Amino acid sequence: MKSVQILLVLLLTGIFTPASAQDAREIVRKADEKARGKSSVAQMTITTVRPKWTRSMRLKVWTKGTEYALLLIQSPAKDKGVAYLKRKKEVWNWLPTLERTIKLPPSMMSESWMGTDFTNDDLVKEASAVDDYTHTLVGAEVIDGRDCYKIQMIPKPEAAIIWGKVLVWIDKKDDLQLRAEFYDEDGSLVNSMTSSEVKMIGGRLLPTKMDMVPADKKGHQTTITYETVEFDKPISEQFFTTDNLTKVK
């Protein structure tokens, strides 16, 4: 009887709830699938801010599940036609000015994507937030008025990931990732990403703006803004080929 009373107290005070016992990996999986869908076609703008200049790019992105992605830069003119392809665990880059397709080695996935504060891996997502990490629920916090799970993600030994750990905050109600912090192997914060402007887009409630801010570079920031997204549109795997990488419009 006493144990039942203790459980009731914990439930009423919010110290323990059935939701808090959810598997952390499952929470991450649900958020990832909601943002990704079975497939997607997105139009977005990426704006990079530096102390002395600001640059914007428009691009179109196609994805299919977790294994396929194609990114096409539409502007500015000097970068128009540059494209990136992810096919399973392999990534290629098409450079129209050189008429060359380059296969990116895993070591390049941690490098800056097109001079932004996002890495190549952030954009093409070679690493899987679900499969390449060990997940632990470490707390709960409120982000922008939303109750969120706080989850620690530690890369698995076999995963080619530069981070020592990643912390993510995922909204309990709507499965929205609202914040992420990226730490190096020494435990120092490297980048923080906040997601905001939650609205209906592509028939789903999702953040439409993501700001990546380096911890040690004052005045540096990169913002991704989603203009349109279409989810679950049938896309053949043959769309995601190195041959199509040079032709996609």
Protein backbone atom coordinates (compact mmCIF):
# COMPACT_ATOMS: atom_id res chain seq x y z
CA MET A 1 0.00 0.00 0.00
CA LYS A 2 2.83 2.36 0.90
CA SER A 3 4.53 1.82 -2.48
CA VAL A 4 1.28 2.67 -4.27
CA GLN A 5 1.00 5.92 -2.28
CA ILE A 6 4.58 6.85 -3.17
CA LEU A 7 3.89 6.21 -6.88
CA LEU A 8 0.79 8.40 -6.73
CA VAL A 9 2.81 11.23 -5.17
CA LEU A 10 5.45 10.93 -7.90
CA LEU A 11 2.81 10.98 -10.63
CA LEU A 12 1.05 14.01 -9.14
CA THR A 13 4.24 15.99 -8.66
CA GLY A 14 5.54 15.20 -12.13
CA ILE A 15 8.75 13.63 -10.83
CA PHE A 16 7.81 10.47 -12.65
CA THR A 17 5.36 10.07 -15.50
CA PRO A 18 4.74 7.22 -17.93
CA ALA A 19 5.95 9.53 -20.73
CA SER A 20 9.30 10.08 -19.02
CA ALA A 21 9.90 6.34 -19.17
CA GLN A 22 9.78 6.37 -22.97
CA ASP A 23 12.84 4.97 -24.66
CA ALA A 24 15.08 7.91 -25.58
CA ARG A 25 15.93 6.37 -28.94
CA GLU A 26 12.23 6.12 -29.77
CA ILE A 27 11.72 9.80 -28.94
CA VAL A 28 14.54 10.75 -31.31
CA ARG A 29 13.21 8.39 -33.98
CA LYS A 30 9.73 9.93 -33.88
CA ALA A 31 11.12 13.47 -34.15
CA ASP A 32 13.43 12.47 -36.99
CA GLU A 33 10.65 10.74 -38.95
CA LYS A 34 8.27 13.65 -38.49
CA ALA A 35 10.81 16.11 -39.89
CA ARG A 36 11.87 13.78 -42.68
CA GLY A 37 8.79 11.82 -43.81
CA LYS A 38 9.01 8.87 -46.20
CA SER A 39 10.20 11.41 -48.76
CA SER A 40 10.32 15.18 -49.07
CA VAL A 41 10.89 17.99 -51.54
CA ALA A 42 11.85 21.27 -49.88
CA GLN A 43 12.63 24.78 -51.00
CA MET A 44 14.83 26.68 -48.56
CA THR A 45 17.12 29.64 -48.04
CA ILE A 46 20.42 29.46 -46.17
CA THR A 47 21.78 32.76 -44.87
CA THR A 48 25.32 32.96 -43.50
CA VAL A 49 26.21 35.95 -41.31
CA ARG A 50 29.75 37.07 -40.59
CA PRO A 51 30.99 40.23 -38.83
CA LYS A 52 31.70 41.96 -42.17
CA TRP A 53 29.34 40.30 -44.65
CA THR A 54 26.12 38.34 -45.16
CA ARG A 55 25.42 35.81 -47.92
CA SER A 56 22.23 33.97 -48.89
CA MET A 57 21.71 30.86 -51.01
CA ARG A 58 18.51 29.30 -52.30
CA LEU A 59 18.39 25.58 -52.77
CA LYS A 60 16.06 22.71 -53.45
CA VAL A 61 16.38 19.47 -51.53
CA TRP A 62 14.95 16.04 -52.29
CA THR A 63 15.06 13.19 -49.75
CA LYS A 64 13.86 9.60 -49.62
CA GLY A 65 13.91 7.91 -46.24
CA THR A 66 17.23 8.07 -44.41
CA GLU A 67 19.43 6.79 -47.23
CA TYR A 68 18.90 9.21 -50.12
CA ALA A 69 19.24 12.98 -50.47
CA LEU A 70 19.99 15.42 -53.29
CA LEU A 71 20.71 19.13 -52.78
CA LEU A 72 20.75 21.62 -55.67
CA ILE A 73 21.92 25.22 -55.27
CA GLN A 74 19.78 27.61 -57.32
CA SER A 75 21.40 30.93 -56.40
CA PRO A 76 23.58 33.00 -56.24
CA ALA A 77 24.70 32.77 -59.85
CA LYS A 78 28.29 31.81 -59.04
CA ASP A 79 27.12 28.71 -57.16
CA LYS A 80 24.12 27.84 -59.32
CA GLY A 81 24.08 24.19 -60.33
CA VAL A 82 26.39 22.95 -57.56
CA ALA A 83 24.80 19.79 -56.21
CA TYR A 84 25.32 17.19 -53.51
CA LEU A 85 24.12 13.60 -53.50
CA LYS A 86 23.83 11.17 -50.62
CA ARG A 87 23.20 7.56 -51.57
CA LYS A 88 23.25 5.27 -48.54
CA LYS A 89 26.66 5.92 -46.91
CA GLU A 90 28.28 7.59 -49.92
CA VAL A 91 28.27 11.31 -50.75
CA TRP A 92 29.15 13.06 -54.02
CA ASN A 93 29.55 16.70 -55.01
CA TRP A 94 28.92 17.99 -58.57
CA LEU A 95 30.84 21.13 -59.57
CA PRO A 96 29.48 22.44 -62.90
CA THR A 97 32.28 24.97 -63.42
CA LEU A 98 34.79 22.11 -63.40
CA GLU A 99 32.36 19.57 -64.88
CA ARG A 100 33.51 17.16 -62.19
CA THR A 101 31.77 14.84 -59.74
CA ILE A 102 33.80 14.34 -56.58
CA LYS A 103 33.19 11.60 -54.03
CA LEU A 104 33.53 13.01 -50.53
CA PRO A 105 35.53 10.89 -48.07
CA PRO A 106 34.12 10.43 -44.54
CA SER A 107 36.79 12.82 -43.23
CA MET A 108 35.17 15.70 -45.15
CA MET A 109 31.74 15.23 -43.56
CA SER A 110 32.81 17.30 -40.56
CA GLU A 111 33.96 20.24 -42.70
CA SER A 112 31.96 23.40 -43.33
CA TRP A 113 29.27 23.10 -45.99
CA MET A 114 29.75 25.89 -48.57
CA GLY A 115 31.34 28.19 -45.98
CA THR A 116 28.36 28.05 -43.59
CA ASP A 117 28.28 27.04 -39.92
CA PHE A 118 26.66 23.74 -40.89
CA THR A 119 28.84 20.75 -41.71
CA ASN A 120 28.51 18.57 -44.80
CA ASP A 121 26.97 15.94 -42.53
CA ASP A 122 24.38 18.40 -41.17
CA LEU A 123 23.08 18.98 -44.69
CA VAL A 124 23.27 15.53 -46.29
CA LYS A 125 22.97 13.61 -43.01
CA GLU A 126 25.37 10.76 -43.68
CA ALA A 127 25.20 9.95 -39.97
CA SER A 128 21.89 8.72 -38.56
CA ALA A 129 20.58 10.44 -35.43
CA VAL A 130 18.75 7.19 -34.63
CA ASP A 131 21.19 4.41 -35.54
CA ASP A 132 24.65 5.94 -35.02
CA TYR A 133 24.19 7.09 -31.42
CA THR A 134 23.40 5.69 -27.99
CA HIS A 135 20.56 7.72 -26.47
CA THR A 136 19.90 8.57 -22.82
CA LEU A 137 17.06 10.62 -21.36
CA VAL A 138 18.82 13.05 -19.00
CA GLY A 139 16.11 15.51 -18.05
CA ALA A 140 13.31 17.81 -19.12
CA GLU A 141 13.26 21.55 -19.81
CA VAL A 142 10.92 24.17 -21.26
CA ILE A 143 11.92 25.63 -24.64
CA ASP A 144 9.78 28.48 -26.03
CA GLY A 145 6.94 27.50 -23.73
CA ARG A 146 7.04 23.85 -24.77
CA ASP A 147 7.84 20.99 -22.39
CA CYS A 148 10.77 19.10 -23.87
CA TYR A 149 12.70 15.91 -23.24
CA LYS A 150 16.44 16.51 -22.89
CA ILE A 151 18.34 13.63 -24.49
CA GLN A 152 22.05 12.91 -24.58
CA MET A 153 23.38 11.24 -27.72
CA ILE A 154 26.79 9.56 -27.63
CA PRO A 155 28.25 8.35 -30.95
CA LYS A 156 28.69 4.60 -31.21
CA PRO A 157 32.36 3.52 -31.42
CA GLU A 158 32.00 2.34 -35.02
CA ALA A 159 30.26 5.53 -36.21
CA ALA A 160 32.36 8.07 -38.13
CA ILE A 161 31.20 11.08 -36.11
CA ILE A 162 33.41 13.91 -34.84
CA TRP A 163 31.23 14.90 -31.89
CA GLY A 164 31.95 13.66 -28.40
CA LYS A 165 28.27 14.06 -27.60
CA VAL A 166 25.13 15.81 -28.79
CA LEU A 167 22.32 17.09 -26.56
CA VAL A 168 18.86 17.50 -28.08
CA TRP A 169 15.63 18.94 -26.73
CA ILE A 170 12.47 17.40 -28.20
CA ASP A 171 8.96 18.70 -27.57
CA LYS A 172 6.91 16.13 -25.64
CA LYS A 173 3.61 16.97 -27.31
CA ASP A 174 4.44 17.39 -30.99
CA ASP A 175 7.78 15.55 -31.42
CA LEU A 176 9.64 18.71 -32.48
CA GLN A 177 13.39 19.04 -32.04
CA LEU A 178 13.76 22.61 -30.76
CA ARG A 179 17.41 22.72 -29.74
CA ALA A 180 20.65 20.82 -30.22
CA GLU A 181 24.12 21.31 -28.75
CA PHE A 182 27.24 19.77 -30.27
CA TYR A 183 30.26 19.02 -28.08
CA ASP A 184 33.77 17.93 -28.99
CA GLU A 185 35.54 14.92 -27.50
CA ASP A 186 36.88 17.11 -24.66
CA GLY A 187 33.36 18.08 -23.64
CA SER A 188 33.56 21.67 -24.92
CA LEU A 189 30.54 23.18 -26.65
CA VAL A 190 31.21 23.76 -30.37
CA ASN A 191 27.85 24.67 -31.94
CA SER A 192 24.30 25.35 -30.79
CA MET A 193 21.29 25.01 -33.05
CA THR A 194 17.88 26.43 -32.18
CA SER A 195 14.71 25.71 -34.16
CA SER A 196 11.83 28.18 -34.14
CA GLU A 197 8.89 29.67 -36.07
CA VAL A 198 6.79 26.53 -35.61
CA LYS A 199 3.96 26.44 -38.11
CA MET A 200 2.07 24.15 -40.47
CA ILE A 201 4.20 23.36 -43.50
CA GLY A 202 3.64 20.47 -45.87
CA GLY A 203 0.66 19.43 -43.75
CA ARG A 204 2.82 19.04 -40.61
CA LEU A 205 3.52 21.19 -37.60
CA LEU A 206 7.28 21.83 -37.77
CA PRO A 207 9.90 24.48 -37.02
CA THR A 208 10.61 26.40 -40.23
CA LYS A 209 13.74 28.24 -39.07
CA MET A 210 17.02 26.80 -37.75
CA ASP A 211 19.88 28.93 -36.44
CA MET A 212 23.35 27.40 -36.05
CA VAL A 213 25.68 29.46 -33.85
CA PRO A 214 29.33 28.57 -33.14
CA ALA A 215 30.27 28.84 -29.47
CA ASP A 216 33.64 30.56 -29.99
CA LYS A 217 33.09 32.75 -33.08
CA LYS A 218 31.45 36.04 -32.19
CA GLY A 219 29.18 37.40 -34.89
CA HIS A 220 28.96 34.08 -36.78
CA GLN A 221 25.57 32.49 -37.50
CA THR A 222 23.89 30.48 -40.24
CA THR A 223 20.11 30.31 -40.65
CA ILE A 224 18.10 27.79 -42.65
CA THR A 225 14.59 28.97 -43.50
CA TYR A 226 12.12 26.56 -45.08
CA GLU A 227 9.85 28.17 -47.66
CA THR A 228 7.91 25.10 -48.80
CA VAL A 229 7.99 21.38 -48.08
CA GLU A 230 6.08 18.56 -49.72
CA PHE A 231 6.11 15.25 -47.86
CA ASP A 232 5.63 11.66 -49.01
CA LYS A 233 5.70 12.42 -52.72
CA PRO A 234 6.77 9.27 -54.61
CA ILE A 235 10.42 9.57 -55.68
CA SER A 236 12.27 6.72 -57.38
CA GLU A 237 15.64 5.63 -56.01
CA GLN A 238 16.92 6.15 -59.56
CA PHE A 239 16.46 9.88 -59.04
CA PHE A 240 19.35 9.72 -56.57
CA THR A 241 22.17 8.77 -58.95
CA THR A 242 25.45 10.41 -59.90
CA ASP A 243 24.19 10.64 -63.47
CA ASN A 244 21.10 12.61 -62.40
CA LEU A 245 23.25 14.74 -60.11
CA THR A 246 24.63 16.51 -63.19
CA LYS A 247 21.22 16.99 -64.81
CA VAL A 248 18.74 17.82 -62.05
CA LYS A 249 17.00 21.19 -62.34
